[in-house]
């Protein structure tokens, strides 16, 4: 885990001096980790121009660090909302996490 956190910058701590690997993961946290992983694997990937594909009523609840990642994954049909809510602070279930990884893999991994 130290490699992902310190060298690749994929996982950040919950505080500057605290890492909580057993804590629940929110939707905004997992999307940020997925996008950081993509950027580590594909350094030329530009996520800055991504837009939401629909209006989300809770867009203002997204933490600043996660806005671009959520936009990018939504724009690429990897993460979707529910009834016009993106639910950034909601915890991600194992199922949801695997679905996000699967969609990311299918979209970006070329055989």
Protein backbone atom coordinates (compact mmCIF):
# COMPACT_ATOMS: atom_id res chain seq x y z
CA UNK A 1 0.00 0.00 0.00
CA UNK A 2 2.92 2.31 0.66
CA UNK A 3 3.82 2.28 -3.05
CA UNK A 4 0.34 3.38 -4.15
CA UNK A 5 0.23 6.13 -1.56
CA UNK A 6 3.73 7.58 -1.66
CA UNK A 7 5.21 6.82 -5.05
CA UNK A 8 2.28 6.74 -7.44
CA UNK A 9 0.05 9.22 -5.58
CA UNK A 10 -3.04 7.10 -6.19
CA UNK A 11 -4.25 6.99 -2.58
CA UNK A 12 -4.12 9.97 -0.27
CA UNK A 13 -4.54 9.85 3.48
CA UNK A 14 -7.64 10.95 5.32
CA UNK A 15 -5.41 13.60 6.90
CA UNK A 16 -1.83 14.62 6.02
CA UNK A 17 -0.45 12.25 8.68
CA UNK A 18 -3.19 9.60 8.70
CA UNK A 19 -3.97 6.74 6.36
CA UNK A 20 -7.20 4.80 6.97
CA UNK A 21 -7.23 1.71 4.73
CA UNK A 22 -10.17 0.12 6.57
CA UNK A 23 -12.45 3.17 6.41
CA UNK A 24 -15.44 3.19 4.03
CA UNK A 25 -14.77 4.78 0.62
CA UNK A 26 -17.09 7.42 -0.81
CA UNK A 27 -18.03 7.77 -4.46
CA UNK A 28 -15.88 10.89 -4.81
CA UNK A 29 -12.91 9.14 -3.20
CA UNK A 30 -13.06 6.04 -5.38
CA UNK A 31 -13.47 8.05 -8.58
CA UNK A 32 -10.43 10.13 -7.64
CA UNK A 33 -8.37 6.97 -7.05
CA UNK A 34 -9.51 5.47 -10.36
CA UNK A 35 -8.56 8.61 -12.29
CA UNK A 36 -5.19 8.84 -10.50
CA UNK A 37 -4.57 5.21 -11.46
CA UNK A 38 -5.43 5.96 -15.10
CA UNK A 39 -3.08 8.94 -15.09
CA UNK A 40 -0.28 6.84 -13.57
CA UNK A 41 -0.75 4.29 -16.37
CA UNK A 42 -1.41 6.86 -19.11
CA UNK A 43 0.45 10.08 -18.24
CA UNK A 44 -0.82 11.87 -21.36
CA UNK A 45 -4.49 11.39 -20.36
CA UNK A 46 -6.26 14.76 -20.28
CA UNK A 47 -9.22 14.84 -17.91
CA UNK A 48 -9.53 18.62 -17.71
CA UNK A 49 -12.14 19.10 -20.45
CA UNK A 50 -14.65 16.55 -19.15
CA UNK A 51 -18.19 17.69 -18.45
CA UNK A 52 -21.12 16.15 -16.63
CA UNK A 53 -23.52 14.50 -19.07
CA UNK A 54 -26.52 15.72 -17.08
CA UNK A 55 -27.42 18.14 -14.32
CA UNK A 56 -26.82 16.76 -10.83
CA UNK A 57 -28.75 18.50 -8.06
CA UNK A 58 -25.98 17.76 -5.54
CA UNK A 59 -23.02 18.87 -7.68
CA UNK A 60 -22.17 21.57 -5.13
CA UNK A 61 -21.59 18.83 -2.52
CA UNK A 62 -18.58 17.46 -4.42
CA UNK A 63 -15.24 18.16 -2.76
CA UNK A 64 -12.94 20.33 -4.87
CA UNK A 65 -10.35 17.59 -5.32
CA UNK A 66 -12.96 15.22 -6.80
CA UNK A 67 -14.85 17.43 -9.28
CA UNK A 68 -12.64 16.72 -12.29
CA UNK A 69 -12.54 12.97 -11.59
CA UNK A 70 -16.31 12.70 -11.24
CA UNK A 71 -16.83 14.74 -14.41
CA UNK A 72 -14.33 12.61 -16.32
CA UNK A 73 -15.80 9.28 -15.27
CA UNK A 74 -19.35 10.51 -15.84
CA UNK A 75 -18.42 11.91 -19.26
CA UNK A 76 -16.95 8.50 -20.13
CA UNK A 77 -20.04 6.62 -18.94
CA UNK A 78 -18.21 4.94 -16.07
CA UNK A 79 -20.13 6.49 -13.19
CA UNK A 80 -23.76 7.48 -13.35
CA UNK A 81 -26.06 9.30 -11.04
CA UNK A 82 -29.40 8.31 -9.65
CA UNK A 83 -32.43 10.52 -10.29
CA UNK A 84 -30.18 13.49 -11.06
CA UNK A 85 -27.98 12.97 -7.99
CA UNK A 86 -24.32 11.94 -8.17
CA UNK A 87 -24.16 11.24 -4.41
CA UNK A 88 -20.48 12.15 -3.93
CA UNK A 89 -20.44 11.61 -0.16
CA UNK A 90 -22.25 8.25 -0.25
CA UNK A 91 -20.18 5.19 0.51
CA UNK A 92 -19.31 2.88 -2.34
CA UNK A 93 -20.33 -0.75 -1.95
CA UNK A 94 -18.03 -3.54 -3.09
CA UNK A 95 -20.39 -4.17 -6.00
CA UNK A 96 -20.31 -0.54 -7.08
CA UNK A 97 -16.53 -0.45 -6.79
CA UNK A 98 -16.11 -3.54 -8.95
CA UNK A 99 -18.57 -2.15 -11.51
CA UNK A 100 -16.58 1.09 -11.72
CA UNK A 101 -13.31 -0.81 -12.16
CA UNK A 102 -14.87 -3.09 -14.80
CA UNK A 103 -16.26 -0.16 -16.80
CA UNK A 104 -12.93 1.66 -16.55
CA UNK A 105 -11.06 -1.41 -17.70
CA UNK A 106 -13.41 -1.94 -20.65
CA UNK A 107 -13.20 1.72 -21.69
CA UNK A 108 -9.45 2.30 -21.39
CA UNK A 109 -7.64 -1.04 -21.69
CA UNK A 110 -6.91 -1.93 -25.30
CA UNK A 111 -6.07 -5.52 -26.16
